[in-house]
Amino acid sequence: MHSSVSVWLLVGFAVFAANLPFLNERCFAIVALQRFSFSKPVFVRLLELLALYFVVLGLGFFLEAQLGNRFPQGWEFYATTLCLFLVLSFPGFVLRYLVKRRSLRHE
């Protein structure tokens, strides 16, 4: 796989994974937490976001290893990529918590 293709694949997957906890009510879009629950608690969304960060990080390490040698990273790399992942999750956060929902009833 060419390096630019793998980079764009990783960026696209990171955007999808960062917004996934805010766009659905299932854990990892697969497992229903409670049968009659209407929304996930915020801490579950944040834990899911952190777990998906590690999935994207693992995919990045895998793609880097496929292209050649994997370089060692310090704590600065992990702090920066976590902050970037949080920035990528902003559209989903805005849709979930900041956009006002209009009712379908006509008043």
N, C-alpha and C. Protein backbone atom coordinates (compact mmCIF):
# COMPACT_ATOMS: atom_id res chain seq x y z
N MET A 1 0.85 -1.17 0.00
CA MET A 1 0.00 0.00 0.00
C MET A 1 0.89 1.23 0.00
N HIS A 2 0.55 2.20 -0.81
CA HIS A 2 1.33 3.43 -0.88
C HIS A 2 1.14 4.25 0.40
N SER A 3 2.14 5.03 0.78
CA SER A 3 2.09 5.73 2.06
C SER A 3 0.97 6.77 2.11
N SER A 4 0.70 7.47 1.01
CA SER A 4 -0.37 8.48 1.05
C SER A 4 -1.74 7.83 1.18
N VAL A 5 -1.92 6.66 0.60
CA VAL A 5 -3.20 5.95 0.74
C VAL A 5 -3.40 5.52 2.19
N SER A 6 -2.35 5.02 2.81
CA SER A 6 -2.49 4.59 4.20
C SER A 6 -2.74 5.77 5.14
N VAL A 7 -2.15 6.92 4.85
CA VAL A 7 -2.38 8.09 5.68
C VAL A 7 -3.83 8.55 5.57
N TRP A 8 -4.36 8.62 4.35
CA TRP A 8 -5.75 9.04 4.18
C TRP A 8 -6.72 8.01 4.73
N LEU A 9 -6.38 6.76 4.65
CA LEU A 9 -7.20 5.71 5.26
C LEU A 9 -7.25 5.90 6.78
N LEU A 10 -6.13 6.18 7.36
CA LEU A 10 -6.06 6.38 8.81
C LEU A 10 -6.81 7.64 9.24
N VAL A 11 -6.68 8.72 8.48
CA VAL A 11 -7.38 9.97 8.82
C VAL A 11 -8.89 9.77 8.70
N GLY A 12 -9.33 9.13 7.63
CA GLY A 12 -10.77 8.88 7.48
C GLY A 12 -11.33 8.00 8.57
N PHE A 13 -10.60 6.95 8.94
CA PHE A 13 -11.05 6.08 10.02
C PHE A 13 -11.05 6.83 11.35
N ALA A 14 -10.07 7.71 11.56
CA ALA A 14 -10.01 8.48 12.81
C ALA A 14 -11.20 9.43 12.93
N VAL A 15 -11.58 10.08 11.85
CA VAL A 15 -12.74 10.97 11.88
C VAL A 15 -14.02 10.17 12.18
N PHE A 16 -14.16 9.03 11.53
CA PHE A 16 -15.32 8.17 11.77
C PHE A 16 -15.34 7.69 13.22
N ALA A 17 -14.21 7.20 13.71
CA ALA A 17 -14.15 6.65 15.07
C ALA A 17 -14.34 7.72 16.13
N ALA A 18 -13.85 8.93 15.87
CA ALA A 18 -13.98 10.00 16.86
C ALA A 18 -15.42 10.45 17.03
N ASN A 19 -16.20 10.37 15.97
CA ASN A 19 -17.59 10.82 16.04
C ASN A 19 -18.57 9.71 16.38
N LEU A 20 -18.14 8.48 16.31
CA LEU A 20 -19.01 7.33 16.54
C LEU A 20 -19.69 7.32 17.91
N PRO A 21 -19.01 7.64 19.01
CA PRO A 21 -19.71 7.60 20.31
C PRO A 21 -20.84 8.61 20.43
N PHE A 22 -20.78 9.70 19.68
CA PHE A 22 -21.79 10.75 19.80
C PHE A 22 -22.94 10.58 18.82
N LEU A 23 -22.79 9.72 17.83
CA LEU A 23 -23.81 9.62 16.79
C LEU A 23 -24.77 8.45 16.98
N ASN A 24 -24.57 7.61 17.98
CA ASN A 24 -25.49 6.51 18.21
C ASN A 24 -25.61 6.23 19.71
N GLU A 25 -26.57 5.41 20.05
CA GLU A 25 -26.83 5.09 21.45
C GLU A 25 -26.30 3.72 21.86
N ARG A 26 -25.66 3.03 20.96
CA ARG A 26 -25.09 1.71 21.27
C ARG A 26 -23.61 1.86 21.54
N CYS A 27 -23.07 1.00 22.36
CA CYS A 27 -21.64 1.02 22.66
C CYS A 27 -20.89 0.43 21.48
N PHE A 28 -19.98 1.19 20.91
CA PHE A 28 -19.21 0.82 19.72
C PHE A 28 -20.13 0.53 18.54
N ALA A 29 -21.31 1.11 18.54
CA ALA A 29 -22.32 0.95 17.49
C ALA A 29 -22.78 -0.50 17.33
N ILE A 30 -22.55 -1.33 18.33
CA ILE A 30 -22.91 -2.74 18.24
C ILE A 30 -23.76 -3.18 19.44
N VAL A 31 -23.29 -2.90 20.64
CA VAL A 31 -23.86 -3.46 21.86
C VAL A 31 -24.82 -2.45 22.51
N ALA A 32 -26.05 -2.85 22.71
CA ALA A 32 -27.00 -2.01 23.44
C ALA A 32 -26.70 -2.12 24.94
N LEU A 33 -26.56 -0.98 25.61
CA LEU A 33 -26.22 -1.00 27.03
C LEU A 33 -27.42 -1.41 27.88
N GLN A 34 -28.56 -0.77 27.64
CA GLN A 34 -29.77 -1.13 28.36
C GLN A 34 -30.89 -1.18 27.33
N ARG A 35 -31.78 -2.06 27.53
CA ARG A 35 -32.82 -2.27 26.52
C ARG A 35 -33.74 -1.06 26.37
N PHE A 36 -34.09 -0.38 27.47
CA PHE A 36 -35.04 0.73 27.38
C PHE A 36 -34.40 2.07 27.69
N SER A 37 -33.11 2.16 27.58
CA SER A 37 -32.41 3.42 27.83
C SER A 37 -32.52 4.32 26.61
N PHE A 38 -32.72 5.59 26.84
CA PHE A 38 -32.86 6.51 25.72
C PHE A 38 -31.53 7.16 25.35
N SER A 39 -30.58 7.24 26.25
CA SER A 39 -29.30 7.84 25.90
C SER A 39 -28.19 7.27 26.78
N LYS A 40 -27.01 7.23 26.21
CA LYS A 40 -25.84 6.76 26.95
C LYS A 40 -25.38 7.87 27.89
N PRO A 41 -24.88 7.53 29.06
CA PRO A 41 -24.30 8.55 29.93
C PRO A 41 -23.02 9.12 29.31
N VAL A 42 -22.66 10.30 29.73
CA VAL A 42 -21.49 10.98 29.17
C VAL A 42 -20.22 10.20 29.45
N PHE A 43 -20.08 9.64 30.64
CA PHE A 43 -18.85 8.93 30.95
C PHE A 43 -18.67 7.68 30.08
N VAL A 44 -19.76 7.05 29.67
CA VAL A 44 -19.67 5.90 28.76
C VAL A 44 -19.20 6.37 27.39
N ARG A 45 -19.71 7.52 26.94
CA ARG A 45 -19.25 8.07 25.67
C ARG A 45 -17.76 8.40 25.71
N LEU A 46 -17.29 8.96 26.82
CA LEU A 46 -15.87 9.30 26.93
C LEU A 46 -14.99 8.06 27.01
N LEU A 47 -15.44 7.03 27.72
CA LEU A 47 -14.68 5.77 27.75
C LEU A 47 -14.63 5.12 26.38
N GLU A 48 -15.75 5.18 25.67
CA GLU A 48 -15.79 4.64 24.31
C GLU A 48 -14.86 5.44 23.39
N LEU A 49 -14.82 6.75 23.56
CA LEU A 49 -13.93 7.60 22.78
C LEU A 49 -12.47 7.25 23.05
N LEU A 50 -12.14 7.01 24.31
CA LEU A 50 -10.77 6.63 24.65
C LEU A 50 -10.40 5.27 24.08
N ALA A 51 -11.32 4.33 24.14
CA ALA A 51 -11.05 3.00 23.56
C ALA A 51 -10.88 3.08 22.05
N LEU A 52 -11.68 3.89 21.39
CA LEU A 52 -11.55 4.05 19.94
C LEU A 52 -10.25 4.77 19.58
N TYR A 53 -9.78 5.65 20.46
CA TYR A 53 -8.48 6.29 20.24
C TYR A 53 -7.38 5.22 20.19
N PHE A 54 -7.44 4.26 21.10
CA PHE A 54 -6.42 3.21 21.10
C PHE A 54 -6.55 2.30 19.88
N VAL A 55 -7.76 2.11 19.39
CA VAL A 55 -7.94 1.32 18.16
C VAL A 55 -7.31 2.05 16.97
N VAL A 56 -7.54 3.35 16.87
CA VAL A 56 -6.95 4.14 15.78
C VAL A 56 -5.44 4.18 15.92
N LEU A 57 -4.95 4.28 17.14
CA LEU A 57 -3.50 4.28 17.38
C LEU A 57 -2.89 2.95 16.96
N GLY A 58 -3.56 1.86 17.28
CA GLY A 58 -3.08 0.54 16.86
C GLY A 58 -3.08 0.39 15.35
N LEU A 59 -4.13 0.90 14.69
CA LEU A 59 -4.16 0.86 13.23
C LEU A 59 -3.03 1.68 12.63
N GLY A 60 -2.74 2.82 13.23
CA GLY A 60 -1.64 3.65 12.76
C GLY A 60 -0.30 2.95 12.91
N PHE A 61 -0.10 2.29 14.05
CA PHE A 61 1.15 1.54 14.25
C PHE A 61 1.26 0.38 13.27
N PHE A 62 0.14 -0.28 12.99
CA PHE A 62 0.15 -1.39 12.04
C PHE A 62 0.51 -0.90 10.63
N LEU A 63 -0.12 0.20 10.21
CA LEU A 63 0.17 0.73 8.88
C LEU A 63 1.61 1.22 8.77
N GLU A 64 2.12 1.81 9.84
CA GLU A 64 3.52 2.26 9.84
C GLU A 64 4.47 1.08 9.75
N ALA A 65 4.16 0.00 10.43
CA ALA A 65 5.01 -1.19 10.38
C ALA A 65 4.97 -1.83 8.99
N GLN A 66 3.83 -1.73 8.30
CA GLN A 66 3.73 -2.29 6.95
C GLN A 66 4.56 -1.50 5.94
N LEU A 67 4.73 -0.20 6.20
CA LEU A 67 5.49 0.64 5.28
C LEU A 67 7.00 0.57 5.51
N GLY A 68 7.40 0.17 6.68
CA GLY A 68 8.83 0.11 6.99
C GLY A 68 9.03 -0.02 8.48
N ASN A 69 10.09 0.58 8.97
CA ASN A 69 10.39 0.52 10.40
C ASN A 69 9.44 1.39 11.20
N ARG A 70 9.02 0.89 12.33
CA ARG A 70 8.19 1.66 13.25
C ARG A 70 9.10 2.44 14.17
N PHE A 71 8.85 3.74 14.28
CA PHE A 71 9.70 4.60 15.10
C PHE A 71 9.19 4.66 16.53
N PRO A 72 10.08 4.70 17.51
CA PRO A 72 9.65 4.84 18.91
C PRO A 72 9.09 6.24 19.15
N GLN A 73 8.06 6.33 20.00
CA GLN A 73 7.41 7.60 20.29
C GLN A 73 7.48 7.89 21.78
N GLY A 74 7.58 9.17 22.12
CA GLY A 74 7.57 9.61 23.50
C GLY A 74 6.16 10.00 23.93
N TRP A 75 6.05 10.48 25.15
CA TRP A 75 4.74 10.83 25.68
C TRP A 75 4.13 12.01 24.93
N GLU A 76 4.97 12.86 24.34
CA GLU A 76 4.47 14.02 23.61
C GLU A 76 3.62 13.60 22.41
N PHE A 77 4.04 12.53 21.74
CA PHE A 77 3.29 12.01 20.59
C PHE A 77 1.89 11.58 21.02
N TYR A 78 1.80 10.85 22.11
CA TYR A 78 0.50 10.35 22.57
C TYR A 78 -0.40 11.49 23.05
N ALA A 79 0.17 12.49 23.72
CA ALA A 79 -0.62 13.63 24.16
C ALA A 79 -1.14 14.43 22.97
N THR A 80 -0.31 14.61 21.97
CA THR A 80 -0.72 15.37 20.78
C THR A 80 -1.78 14.62 19.99
N THR A 81 -1.60 13.33 19.79
CA THR A 81 -2.58 12.58 19.01
C THR A 81 -3.91 12.45 19.75
N LEU A 82 -3.87 12.36 21.08
CA LEU A 82 -5.12 12.33 21.85
C LEU A 82 -5.87 13.65 21.70
N CYS A 83 -5.15 14.75 21.78
CA CYS A 83 -5.79 16.06 21.60
C CYS A 83 -6.34 16.20 20.18
N LEU A 84 -5.62 15.73 19.19
CA LEU A 84 -6.11 15.77 17.82
C LEU A 84 -7.36 14.90 17.67
N PHE A 85 -7.39 13.76 18.31
CA PHE A 85 -8.56 12.88 18.26
C PHE A 85 -9.76 13.56 18.92
N LEU A 86 -9.54 14.29 20.00
CA LEU A 86 -10.63 15.02 20.64
C LEU A 86 -11.14 16.14 19.74
N VAL A 87 -10.25 16.80 19.02
CA VAL A 87 -10.68 17.84 18.08
C VAL A 87 -11.49 17.23 16.94
N LEU A 88 -11.09 16.06 16.48
CA LEU A 88 -11.85 15.39 15.41
C LEU A 88 -13.24 14.98 15.88
N SER A 89 -13.44 14.79 17.18
CA SER A 89 -14.74 14.39 17.69
C SER A 89 -15.68 15.58 17.92
N PHE A 90 -15.22 16.78 17.67
CA PHE A 90 -16.02 17.96 17.93
C PHE A 90 -17.34 18.01 17.15
N PRO A 91 -17.38 17.67 15.85
CA PRO A 91 -18.67 17.71 15.15
C PRO A 91 -19.73 16.80 15.77
N GLY A 92 -19.35 15.61 16.18
CA GLY A 92 -20.29 14.71 16.83
C GLY A 92 -20.76 15.24 18.17
N PHE A 93 -19.85 15.85 18.92
CA PHE A 93 -20.21 16.45 20.20
C PHE A 93 -21.21 17.59 20.01
N VAL A 94 -20.96 18.42 19.01
CA VAL A 94 -21.87 19.54 18.73
C VAL A 94 -23.25 19.03 18.35
N LEU A 95 -23.30 18.02 17.50
CA LEU A 95 -24.61 17.47 17.10
C LEU A 95 -25.35 16.85 18.28
N ARG A 96 -24.62 16.22 19.19
CA ARG A 96 -25.26 15.53 20.31
C ARG A 96 -25.70 16.52 21.40
N TYR A 97 -24.85 17.48 21.77
CA TYR A 97 -25.13 18.28 22.96
C TYR A 97 -25.42 19.75 22.71
N LEU A 98 -25.02 20.31 21.60
CA LEU A 98 -25.16 21.75 21.42
C LEU A 98 -26.24 22.17 20.43
N VAL A 99 -26.63 21.29 19.52
CA VAL A 99 -27.69 21.62 18.56
C VAL A 99 -29.04 21.38 19.21
N LYS A 100 -29.87 22.41 19.17
CA LYS A 100 -31.20 22.26 19.76
C LYS A 100 -32.08 21.43 18.86
N ARG A 101 -32.77 20.48 19.45
CA ARG A 101 -33.68 19.62 18.71
C ARG A 101 -35.06 20.29 18.67
N ARG A 102 -35.64 20.35 17.50
CA ARG A 102 -36.98 20.91 17.36
C ARG A 102 -37.98 19.76 17.41
N SER A 103 -39.08 20.01 18.06
CA SER A 103 -40.10 18.96 18.13
C SER A 103 -40.84 18.91 16.80
N LEU A 104 -41.42 17.78 16.53
CA LEU A 104 -42.14 17.59 15.28
C LEU A 104 -43.58 18.08 15.36
N ARG A 105 -44.03 18.42 16.55
CA ARG A 105 -45.39 18.92 16.71
C ARG A 105 -45.49 20.34 16.20
N HIS A 106 -46.63 20.68 15.63
CA HIS A 106 -46.91 22.07 15.20
C HIS A 106 -47.70 22.74 16.29
N GLU A 107 -47.21 23.87 16.72
CA GLU A 107 -47.92 24.57 17.80
C GLU A 107 -48.48 25.88 17.30
